[in-house]
Amino acid sequence: MKIELNPQVDKYFIDGCMRCKYGATPQCKVHPWREELETLRQIVLETGLKEELKWGAPIYTHQGKNILSVGALKASANIGFFKGALLSDEQKILSQQGNL
């Protein structure tokens, strides 16, 4: 399987999402998590999902549908599922956004 990187997403890792005043500055919340975000990116790309940039963040799609996002919060790097409530989590390893 050929993994295709999206140059717009490359820019996200350099500048951040650019939605706040800290975009492209050392204070951007993406910078402390860059290594972790790039690792998550590689893991997600290995699934075959298409990489896009939406709302300033990496979004991964299948057949035109949003599946998940990779992003940074102040205290974490994360993968967010658009329909996460539909996932089975028998081992209780997932957490709802905001419950970190």
PDB file of N, CA and C in Angstrom:
ATOM      1  N   MET A   1       0.851  -1.172   0.000  1.00  0.00           N
ATOM      2  CA  MET A   1       0.000   0.000   0.000  1.00  0.00           C
ATOM      3  C   MET A   1       0.900   1.241   0.000  1.00  0.00           C
ATOM      4  N   LYS A   2       0.609   2.165  -0.876  1.00  0.00           N
ATOM      5  CA  LYS A   2       1.352   3.410  -0.960  1.00  0.00           C
ATOM      6  C   LYS A   2       0.723   4.445  -0.017  1.00  0.00           C
ATOM      7  N   ILE A   3       1.539   4.990   0.872  1.00  0.00           N
ATOM      8  CA  ILE A   3       1.068   6.005   1.802  1.00  0.00           C
ATOM      9  C   ILE A   3       1.307   7.376   1.188  1.00  0.00           C
ATOM     10  N   GLU A   4       0.239   8.151   1.074  1.00  0.00           N
ATOM     11  CA  GLU A   4       0.344   9.485   0.493  1.00  0.00           C
ATOM     12  C   GLU A   4       0.207  10.542   1.573  1.00  0.00           C
ATOM     13  N   LEU A   5       1.262  11.351   1.729  1.00  0.00           N
ATOM     14  CA  LEU A   5       1.228  12.462   2.671  1.00  0.00           C
ATOM     15  C   LEU A   5       0.621  13.678   1.989  1.00  0.00           C
ATOM     16  N   ASN A   6      -0.174  14.407   2.716  1.00  0.00           N
ATOM     17  CA  ASN A   6      -0.805  15.616   2.202  1.00  0.00           C
ATOM     18  C   ASN A   6       0.061  16.810   2.603  1.00  0.00           C
ATOM     19  N   PRO A   7       0.579  17.583   1.638  1.00  0.00           N
ATOM     20  CA  PRO A   7       1.432  18.725   1.974  1.00  0.00           C
ATOM     21  C   PRO A   7       0.747  19.764   2.863  1.00  0.00           C
ATOM     22  N   GLN A   8      -0.571  19.877   2.786  1.00  0.00           N
ATOM     23  CA  GLN A   8      -1.287  20.807   3.669  1.00  0.00           C
ATOM     24  C   GLN A   8      -1.192  20.350   5.120  1.00  0.00           C
ATOM     25  N   VAL A   9      -1.199  19.039   5.335  1.00  0.00           N
ATOM     26  CA  VAL A   9      -1.070  18.504   6.689  1.00  0.00           C
ATOM     27  C   VAL A   9       0.370  18.678   7.172  1.00  0.00           C
ATOM     28  N   ASP A  10       1.337  18.540   6.276  1.00  0.00           N
ATOM     29  CA  ASP A  10       2.732  18.831   6.643  1.00  0.00           C
ATOM     30  C   ASP A  10       2.825  20.229   7.241  1.00  0.00           C
ATOM     31  N   LYS A  11       2.147  21.177   6.637  1.00  0.00           N
ATOM     32  CA  LYS A  11       2.163  22.565   7.110  1.00  0.00           C
ATOM     33  C   LYS A  11       1.532  22.683   8.502  1.00  0.00           C
ATOM     34  N   TYR A  12       0.529  21.875   8.791  1.00  0.00           N
ATOM     35  CA  TYR A  12      -0.085  21.852  10.126  1.00  0.00           C
ATOM     36  C   TYR A  12       0.973  21.524  11.180  1.00  0.00           C
ATOM     37  N   PHE A  13       1.849  20.581  10.873  1.00  0.00           N
ATOM     38  CA  PHE A  13       2.870  20.187  11.835  1.00  0.00           C
ATOM     39  C   PHE A  13       3.926  21.273  12.024  1.00  0.00           C
ATOM     40  N   ILE A  14       4.057  22.164  11.079  1.00  0.00           N
ATOM     41  CA  ILE A  14       5.013  23.269  11.181  1.00  0.00           C
ATOM     42  C   ILE A  14       4.385  24.485  11.856  1.00  0.00           C
ATOM     43  N   ASP A  15       3.182  24.867  11.408  1.00  0.00           N
ATOM     44  CA  ASP A  15       2.552  26.111  11.860  1.00  0.00           C
ATOM     45  C   ASP A  15       1.417  25.934  12.861  1.00  0.00           C
ATOM     46  N   GLY A  16       0.840  24.758  12.949  1.00  0.00           N
ATOM     47  CA  GLY A  16      -0.349  24.561  13.772  1.00  0.00           C
ATOM     48  C   GLY A  16      -1.596  24.780  12.939  1.00  0.00           C
ATOM     49  N   CYS A  17      -2.729  24.834  13.595  1.00  0.00           N
ATOM     50  CA  CYS A  17      -4.010  24.931  12.868  1.00  0.00           C
ATOM     51  C   CYS A  17      -4.293  26.348  12.367  1.00  0.00           C
ATOM     52  N   MET A  18      -3.632  27.337  12.947  1.00  0.00           N
ATOM     53  CA  MET A  18      -3.786  28.743  12.550  1.00  0.00           C
ATOM     54  C   MET A  18      -5.165  29.304  12.894  1.00  0.00           C
ATOM     55  N   ARG A  19      -5.902  28.661  13.810  1.00  0.00           N
ATOM     56  CA  ARG A  19      -7.215  29.160  14.204  1.00  0.00           C
ATOM     57  C   ARG A  19      -7.144  30.140  15.369  1.00  0.00           C
ATOM     58  N   CYS A  20      -5.998  30.194  16.033  1.00  0.00           N
ATOM     59  CA  CYS A  20      -5.869  31.139  17.147  1.00  0.00           C
ATOM     60  C   CYS A  20      -4.639  32.018  16.934  1.00  0.00           C
ATOM     61  N   LYS A  21      -4.453  32.958  17.808  1.00  0.00           N
ATOM     62  CA  LYS A  21      -3.354  33.911  17.661  1.00  0.00           C
ATOM     63  C   LYS A  21      -1.980  33.270  17.834  1.00  0.00           C
ATOM     64  N   TYR A  22      -1.921  32.033  18.319  1.00  0.00           N
ATOM     65  CA  TYR A  22      -0.644  31.374  18.545  1.00  0.00           C
ATOM     66  C   TYR A  22      -0.149  30.566  17.344  1.00  0.00           C
ATOM     67  N   GLY A  23      -0.951  30.506  16.279  1.00  0.00           N
ATOM     68  CA  GLY A  23      -0.530  29.798  15.076  1.00  0.00           C
ATOM     69  C   GLY A  23       0.792  30.339  14.565  1.00  0.00           C
ATOM     70  N   ALA A  24       1.667  29.435  14.159  1.00  0.00           N
ATOM     71  CA  ALA A  24       2.989  29.766  13.615  1.00  0.00           C
ATOM     72  C   ALA A  24       3.885  30.472  14.628  1.00  0.00           C
ATOM     73  N   THR A  25       3.604  30.284  15.933  1.00  0.00           N
ATOM     74  CA  THR A  25       4.458  30.833  16.985  1.00  0.00           C
ATOM     75  C   THR A  25       4.901  29.685  17.892  1.00  0.00           C
ATOM     76  N   PRO A  26       5.941  29.895  18.692  1.00  0.00           N
ATOM     77  CA  PRO A  26       6.369  28.839  19.625  1.00  0.00           C
ATOM     78  C   PRO A  26       5.302  28.455  20.651  1.00  0.00           C
ATOM     79  N   GLN A  27       4.304  29.312  20.880  1.00  0.00           N
ATOM     80  CA  GLN A  27       3.244  29.020  21.843  1.00  0.00           C
ATOM     81  C   GLN A  27       2.141  28.110  21.300  1.00  0.00           C
ATOM     82  N   CYS A  28       2.186  27.802  20.012  1.00  0.00           N
ATOM     83  CA  CYS A  28       1.164  26.946  19.410  1.00  0.00           C
ATOM     84  C   CYS A  28       1.109  25.601  20.128  1.00  0.00           C
ATOM     85  N   LYS A  29      -0.093  25.120  20.420  1.00  0.00           N
ATOM     86  CA  LYS A  29      -0.256  23.866  21.161  1.00  0.00           C
ATOM     87  C   LYS A  29       0.202  22.638  20.378  1.00  0.00           C
ATOM     88  N   VAL A  30       0.405  22.771  19.076  1.00  0.00           N
ATOM     89  CA  VAL A  30       0.877  21.642  18.267  1.00  0.00           C
ATOM     90  C   VAL A  30       2.354  21.342  18.545  1.00  0.00           C
ATOM     91  N   HIS A  31       3.150  22.364  18.759  1.00  0.00           N
ATOM     92  CA  HIS A  31       4.604  22.193  18.855  1.00  0.00           C
ATOM     93  C   HIS A  31       5.066  21.229  19.945  1.00  0.00           C
ATOM     94  N   PRO A  32       4.549  21.288  21.167  1.00  0.00           N
ATOM     95  CA  PRO A  32       5.037  20.343  22.181  1.00  0.00           C
ATOM     96  C   PRO A  32       4.709  18.881  21.865  1.00  0.00           C
ATOM     97  N   TRP A  33       3.739  18.664  20.995  1.00  0.00           N
ATOM     98  CA  TRP A  33       3.259  17.319  20.696  1.00  0.00           C
ATOM     99  C   TRP A  33       3.630  16.858  19.291  1.00  0.00           C
ATOM    100  N   ARG A  34       4.511  17.572  18.632  1.00  0.00           N
ATOM    101  CA  ARG A  34       4.796  17.286  17.222  1.00  0.00           C
ATOM    102  C   ARG A  34       5.231  15.839  16.992  1.00  0.00           C
ATOM    103  N   GLU A  35       6.148  15.342  17.783  1.00  0.00           N
ATOM    104  CA  GLU A  35       6.621  13.961  17.593  1.00  0.00           C
ATOM    105  C   GLU A  35       5.485  12.958  17.776  1.00  0.00           C
ATOM    106  N   GLU A  36       4.690  13.147  18.798  1.00  0.00           N
ATOM    107  CA  GLU A  36       3.560  12.245  19.048  1.00  0.00           C
ATOM    108  C   GLU A  36       2.518  12.335  17.939  1.00  0.00           C
ATOM    109  N   LEU A  37       2.236  13.556  17.485  1.00  0.00           N
ATOM    110  CA  LEU A  37       1.269  13.743  16.396  1.00  0.00           C
ATOM    111  C   LEU A  37       1.747  13.085  15.108  1.00  0.00           C
ATOM    112  N   GLU A  38       3.026  13.194  14.823  1.00  0.00           N
ATOM    113  CA  GLU A  38       3.555  12.558  13.615  1.00  0.00           C
ATOM    114  C   GLU A  38       3.497  11.041  13.723  1.00  0.00           C
ATOM    115  N   THR A  39       3.696  10.505  14.927  1.00  0.00           N
ATOM    116  CA  THR A  39       3.554   9.058  15.128  1.00  0.00           C
ATOM    117  C   THR A  39       2.105   8.636  14.912  1.00  0.00           C
ATOM    118  N   LEU A  40       1.168   9.377  15.484  1.00  0.00           N
ATOM    119  CA  LEU A  40      -0.252   9.070  15.262  1.00  0.00           C
ATOM    120  C   LEU A  40      -0.595   9.157  13.783  1.00  0.00           C
ATOM    121  N   ARG A  41      -0.057  10.156  13.108  1.00  0.00           N
ATOM    122  CA  ARG A  41      -0.292  10.314  11.664  1.00  0.00           C
ATOM    123  C   ARG A  41       0.147   9.070  10.903  1.00  0.00           C
ATOM    124  N   GLN A  42       1.332   8.563  11.203  1.00  0.00           N
ATOM    125  CA  GLN A  42       1.837   7.385  10.507  1.00  0.00           C
ATOM    126  C   GLN A  42       0.967   6.162  10.776  1.00  0.00           C
ATOM    127  N   ILE A  43       0.548   6.003  12.017  1.00  0.00           N
ATOM    128  CA  ILE A  43      -0.325   4.877  12.362  1.00  0.00           C
ATOM    129  C   ILE A  43      -1.627   4.955  11.573  1.00  0.00           C
ATOM    130  N   VAL A  44      -2.229   6.137  11.531  1.00  0.00           N
ATOM    131  CA  VAL A  44      -3.499   6.301  10.820  1.00  0.00           C
ATOM    132  C   VAL A  44      -3.308   6.102   9.319  1.00  0.00           C
ATOM    133  N   LEU A  45      -2.235   6.629   8.763  1.00  0.00           N
ATOM    134  CA  LEU A  45      -2.012   6.479   7.323  1.00  0.00           C
ATOM    135  C   LEU A  45      -1.838   5.012   6.924  1.00  0.00           C
ATOM    136  N   GLU A  46      -1.325   4.196   7.814  1.00  0.00           N
ATOM    137  CA  GLU A  46      -1.158   2.772   7.525  1.00  0.00           C
ATOM    138  C   GLU A  46      -2.486   2.048   7.398  1.00  0.00           C
ATOM    139  N   THR A  47      -3.583   2.671   7.831  1.00  0.00           N
ATOM    140  CA  THR A  47      -4.909   2.061   7.703  1.00  0.00           C
ATOM    141  C   THR A  47      -5.478   2.225   6.298  1.00  0.00           C
ATOM    142  N   GLY A  48      -4.880   3.126   5.506  1.00  0.00           N
ATOM    143  CA  GLY A  48      -5.396   3.375   4.163  1.00  0.00           C
ATOM    144  C   GLY A  48      -6.390   4.511   4.074  1.00  0.00           C
ATOM    145  N   LEU A  49      -6.680   5.176   5.197  1.00  0.00           N
ATOM    146  CA  LEU A  49      -7.576   6.327   5.152  1.00  0.00           C
ATOM    147  C   LEU A  49      -6.926   7.467   4.368  1.00  0.00           C
ATOM    148  N   LYS A  50      -7.738   8.302   3.768  1.00  0.00           N
ATOM    149  CA  LYS A  50      -7.255   9.450   3.009  1.00  0.00           C
ATOM    150  C   LYS A  50      -7.009  10.616   3.969  1.00  0.00           C
ATOM    151  N   GLU A  51      -5.859  11.251   3.813  1.00  0.00           N
ATOM    152  CA  GLU A  51      -5.484  12.371   4.682  1.00  0.00           C
ATOM    153  C   GLU A  51      -5.916  13.691   4.045  1.00  0.00           C
ATOM    154  N   GLU A  52      -6.652  14.491   4.818  1.00  0.00           N
ATOM    155  CA  GLU A  52      -7.102  15.801   4.354  1.00  0.00           C
ATOM    156  C   GLU A  52      -6.869  16.828   5.456  1.00  0.00           C
ATOM    157  N   LEU A  53      -6.929  18.092   5.106  1.00  0.00           N
ATOM    158  CA  LEU A  53      -6.871  19.160   6.095  1.00  0.00           C
ATOM    159  C   LEU A  53      -8.234  19.843   6.092  1.00  0.00           C
ATOM    160  N   LYS A  54      -8.932  19.766   7.223  1.00  0.00           N
ATOM    161  CA  LYS A  54     -10.241  20.408   7.364  1.00  0.00           C
ATOM    162  C   LYS A  54     -10.249  21.144   8.688  1.00  0.00           C
ATOM    163  N   TRP A  55     -10.818  22.323   8.714  1.00  0.00           N
ATOM    164  CA  TRP A  55     -10.909  23.125   9.929  1.00  0.00           C
ATOM    165  C   TRP A  55      -9.526  23.369  10.538  1.00  0.00           C
ATOM    166  N   GLY A  56      -8.500  23.354   9.697  1.00  0.00           N
ATOM    167  CA  GLY A  56      -7.143  23.604  10.145  1.00  0.00           C
ATOM    168  C   GLY A  56      -6.436  22.407  10.754  1.00  0.00           C
ATOM    169  N   ALA A  57      -7.053  21.224  10.750  1.00  0.00           N
ATOM    170  CA  ALA A  57      -6.474  20.043  11.398  1.00  0.00           C
ATOM    171  C   ALA A  57      -6.493  18.837  10.458  1.00  0.00           C
ATOM    172  N   PRO A  58      -5.612  17.860  10.704  1.00  0.00           N
ATOM    173  CA  PRO A  58      -5.623  16.633   9.909  1.00  0.00           C
ATOM    174  C   PRO A  58      -6.895  15.822  10.176  1.00  0.00           C
ATOM    175  N   ILE A  59      -7.602  15.529   9.107  1.00  0.00           N
ATOM    176  CA  ILE A  59      -8.820  14.714   9.155  1.00  0.00           C
ATOM    177  C   ILE A  59      -8.608  13.542   8.204  1.00  0.00           C
ATOM    178  N   TYR A  60      -9.036  12.376   8.617  1.00  0.00           N
ATOM    179  CA  TYR A  60      -8.849  11.169   7.814  1.00  0.00           C
ATOM    180  C   TYR A  60     -10.214  10.644   7.410  1.00  0.00           C
ATOM    181  N   THR A  61     -10.346  10.379   6.117  1.00  0.00           N
ATOM    182  CA  THR A  61     -11.646  10.045   5.544  1.00  0.00           C
ATOM    183  C   THR A  61     -11.611   8.705   4.816  1.00  0.00           C
ATOM    184  N   HIS A  62     -12.803   8.161   4.621  1.00  0.00           N
ATOM    185  CA  HIS A  62     -12.992   6.958   3.805  1.00  0.00           C
ATOM    186  C   HIS A  62     -14.254   7.169   2.987  1.00  0.00           C
ATOM    187  N   GLN A  63     -14.112   7.042   1.681  1.00  0.00           N
ATOM    188  CA  GLN A  63     -15.228   7.230   0.758  1.00  0.00           C
ATOM    189  C   GLN A  63     -15.952   8.553   1.021  1.00  0.00           C
ATOM    190  N   GLY A  64     -15.164   9.610   1.283  1.00  0.00           N
ATOM    191  CA  GLY A  64     -15.711  10.944   1.471  1.00  0.00           C
ATOM    192  C   GLY A  64     -16.301  11.223   2.845  1.00  0.00           C
ATOM    193  N   LYS A  65     -16.261  10.250   3.734  1.00  0.00           N
ATOM    194  CA  LYS A  65     -16.832  10.417   5.078  1.00  0.00           C
ATOM    195  C   LYS A  65     -15.707  10.638   6.092  1.00  0.00           C
ATOM    196  N   ASN A  66     -15.897  11.606   6.994  1.00  0.00           N
ATOM    197  CA  ASN A  66     -14.927  11.862   8.053  1.00  0.00           C
ATOM    198  C   ASN A  66     -14.930  10.696   9.036  1.00  0.00           C
ATOM    199  N   ILE A  67     -13.746  10.141   9.303  1.00  0.00           N
ATOM    200  CA  ILE A  67     -13.626   9.018  10.224  1.00  0.00           C
ATOM    201  C   ILE A  67     -12.982   9.462  11.536  1.00  0.00           C
ATOM    202  N   LEU A  68     -11.834  10.142  11.439  1.00  0.00           N
ATOM    203  CA  LEU A  68     -11.137  10.549  12.650  1.00  0.00           C
ATOM    204  C   LEU A  68     -10.263  11.763  12.386  1.00  0.00           C
ATOM    205  N   SER A  69      -9.847  12.381  13.487  1.00  0.00           N
ATOM    206  CA  SER A  69      -8.933  13.519  13.413  1.00  0.00           C
ATOM    207  C   SER A  69      -7.733  13.230  14.301  1.00  0.00           C
ATOM    208  N   VAL A  70      -6.632  13.877  13.991  1.00  0.00           N
ATOM    209  CA  VAL A  70      -5.442  13.840  14.823  1.00  0.00           C
ATOM    210  C   VAL A  70      -5.191  15.281  15.233  1.00  0.00           C
ATOM    211  N   GLY A  71      -4.994  15.504  16.530  1.00  0.00           N
ATOM    212  CA  GLY A  71      -4.809  16.878  16.960  1.00  0.00           C
ATOM    213  C   GLY A  71      -4.177  16.984  18.326  1.00  0.00           C
ATOM    214  N   ALA A  72      -3.904  18.222  18.715  1.00  0.00           N
ATOM    215  CA  ALA A  72      -3.279  18.512  19.998  1.00  0.00           C
ATOM    216  C   ALA A  72      -4.214  19.333  20.862  1.00  0.00           C
ATOM    217  N   LEU A  73      -4.262  18.978  22.112  1.00  0.00           N
ATOM    218  CA  LEU A  73      -4.889  19.794  23.132  1.00  0.00           C
ATOM    219  C   LEU A  73      -3.749  20.311  24.001  1.00  0.00           C
ATOM    220  N   LYS A  74      -4.031  21.117  24.979  1.00  0.00           N
ATOM    221  CA  LYS A  74      -2.954  21.620  25.833  1.00  0.00           C
ATOM    222  C   LYS A  74      -2.200  20.493  26.511  1.00  0.00           C
ATOM    223  N   ALA A  75      -2.921  19.460  26.954  1.00  0.00           N
ATOM    224  CA  ALA A  75      -2.299  18.414  27.752  1.00  0.00           C
ATOM    225  C   ALA A  75      -2.121  17.084  27.024  1.00  0.00           C
ATOM    226  N   SER A  76      -2.396  17.028  25.720  1.00  0.00           N
ATOM    227  CA  SER A  76      -2.283  15.737  25.042  1.00  0.00           C
ATOM    228  C   SER A  76      -2.289  15.865  23.529  1.00  0.00           C
ATOM    229  N   ALA A  77      -1.770  14.818  22.915  1.00  0.00           N
ATOM    230  CA  ALA A  77      -1.959  14.581  21.483  1.00  0.00           C
ATOM    231  C   ALA A  77      -3.015  13.485  21.414  1.00  0.00           C
ATOM    232  N   ASN A  78      -3.919  13.552  20.433  1.00  0.00           N
ATOM    233  CA  ASN A  78      -5.017  12.592  20.447  1.00  0.00           C
ATOM    234  C   ASN A  78      -5.533  12.233  19.073  1.00  0.00           C
ATOM    235  N   ILE A  79      -6.264  11.150  19.052  1.00  0.00           N
ATOM    236  CA  ILE A  79      -7.072  10.744  17.901  1.00  0.00           C
ATOM    237  C   ILE A  79      -8.516  10.898  18.340  1.00  0.00           C
ATOM    238  N   GLY A  80      -9.303  11.606  17.557  1.00  0.00           N
ATOM    239  CA  GLY A  80     -10.722  11.782  17.860  1.00  0.00           C
ATOM    240  C   GLY A  80     -11.555  11.131  16.773  1.00  0.00           C
ATOM    241  N   PHE A  81     -12.491  10.292  17.161  1.00  0.00           N
ATOM    242  CA  PHE A  81     -13.363   9.606  16.214  1.00  0.00           C
ATOM    243  C   PHE A  81     -14.657  10.397  16.059  1.00  0.00           C
ATOM    244  N   PHE A  82     -15.060  10.625  14.823  1.00  0.00           N
ATOM    245  CA  PHE A  82     -16.269  11.403  14.571  1.00  0.00           C
ATOM    246  C   PHE A  82     -17.521  10.709  15.072  1.00  0.00           C
ATOM    247  N   LYS A  83     -17.553   9.402  15.052  1.00  0.00           N
ATOM    248  CA  LYS A  83     -18.705   8.662  15.579  1.00  0.00           C
ATOM    249  C   LYS A  83     -18.216   7.693  16.645  1.00  0.00           C
ATOM    250  N   GLY A  84     -17.402   8.219  17.562  1.00  0.00           N
ATOM    251  CA  GLY A  84     -16.800   7.400  18.598  1.00  0.00           C
ATOM    252  C   GLY A  84     -17.805   6.703  19.497  1.00  0.00           C
ATOM    253  N   ALA A  85     -18.971   7.281  19.668  1.00  0.00           N
ATOM    254  CA  ALA A  85     -19.991   6.653  20.524  1.00  0.00           C
ATOM    255  C   ALA A  85     -20.445   5.316  19.954  1.00  0.00           C
ATOM    256  N   LEU A  86     -20.203   5.089  18.675  1.00  0.00           N
ATOM    257  CA  LEU A  86     -20.609   3.835  18.049  1.00  0.00           C
ATOM    258  C   LEU A  86     -19.550   2.743  18.164  1.00  0.00           C
ATOM    259  N   LEU A  87     -18.376   3.080  18.696  1.00  0.00           N
ATOM    260  CA  LEU A  87     -17.302   2.102  18.821  1.00  0.00           C
ATOM    261  C   LEU A  87     -17.520   1.192  20.018  1.00  0.00           C
ATOM    262  N   SER A  88     -17.154  -0.058  19.844  1.00  0.00           N
ATOM    263  CA  SER A  88     -17.162  -0.996  20.963  1.00  0.00           C
ATOM    264  C   SER A  88     -15.860  -0.792  21.735  1.00  0.00           C
ATOM    265  N   ASP A  89     -15.946  -0.707  23.041  1.00  0.00           N
ATOM    266  CA  ASP A  89     -14.772  -0.465  23.887  1.00  0.00           C
ATOM    267  C   ASP A  89     -14.806  -1.407  25.086  1.00  0.00           C
ATOM    268  N   GLU A  90     -14.745  -2.690  24.818  1.00  0.00           N
ATOM    269  CA  GLU A  90     -14.856  -3.694  25.874  1.00  0.00           C
ATOM    270  C   GLU A  90     -13.732  -3.592  26.898  1.00  0.00           C
ATOM    271  N   GLN A  91     -12.548  -3.144  26.484  1.00  0.00           N
ATOM    272  CA  GLN A  91     -11.418  -3.039  27.408  1.00  0.00           C
ATOM    273  C   GLN A  91     -11.361  -1.682  28.118  1.00  0.00           C
ATOM    274  N   LYS A  92     -12.310  -0.804  27.792  1.00  0.00           N
ATOM    275  CA  LYS A  92     -12.425   0.511  28.450  1.00  0.00           C
ATOM    276  C   LYS A  92     -11.132   1.327  28.342  1.00  0.00           C
ATOM    277  N   ILE A  93     -10.582   1.413  27.116  1.00  0.00           N
ATOM    278  CA  ILE A  93      -9.359   2.193  26.918  1.00  0.00           C
ATOM    279  C   ILE A  93      -9.622   3.554  26.284  1.00  0.00           C
ATOM    280  N   LEU A  94     -10.822   3.771  25.768  1.00  0.00           N
ATOM    281  CA  LEU A  94     -11.172   5.033  25.152  1.00  0.00           C
ATOM    282  C   LEU A  94     -11.752   5.972  26.195  1.00  0.00           C
ATOM    283  N   SER A  95     -11.580   7.281  25.970  1.00  0.00           N
ATOM    284  CA  SER A  95     -12.217   8.243  26.856  1.00  0.00           C
ATOM    285  C   SER A  95     -12.950   9.268  26.010  1.00  0.00           C
ATOM    286  N   GLN A  96     -14.054   9.773  26.548  1.00  0.00           N
ATOM    287  CA  GLN A  96     -14.816  10.780  25.840  1.00  0.00           C
ATOM    288  C   GLN A  96     -14.053  12.095  25.859  1.00  0.00           C
ATOM    289  N   GLN A  97     -14.185  12.868  24.796  1.00  0.00           N
ATOM    290  CA  GLN A  97     -13.556  14.167  24.741  1.00  0.00           C
ATOM    291  C   GLN A  97     -14.022  14.988  25.936  1.00  0.00           C
ATOM    292  N   GLY A  98     -13.074  15.624  26.589  1.00  0.00           N
ATOM    293  CA  GLY A  98     -13.404  16.435  27.745  1.00  0.00           C
ATOM    294  C   GLY A  98     -13.278  15.679  29.063  1.00  0.00           C
ATOM    295  N   ASN A  99     -13.169  14.355  29.000  1.00  0.00           N
ATOM    296  CA  ASN A  99     -13.047  13.564  30.221  1.00  0.00           C
ATOM    297  C   ASN A  99     -11.609  13.109  30.456  1.00  0.00           C
ATOM    298  N   LEU A 100     -10.644  13.894  30.013  1.00  0.00           N
ATOM    299  CA  LEU A 100      -9.241  13.491  30.163  1.00  0.00           C
ATOM    300  C   LEU A 100      -8.731  13.741  31.544  1.00  0.00           C
TER     301      LEU A 100
END
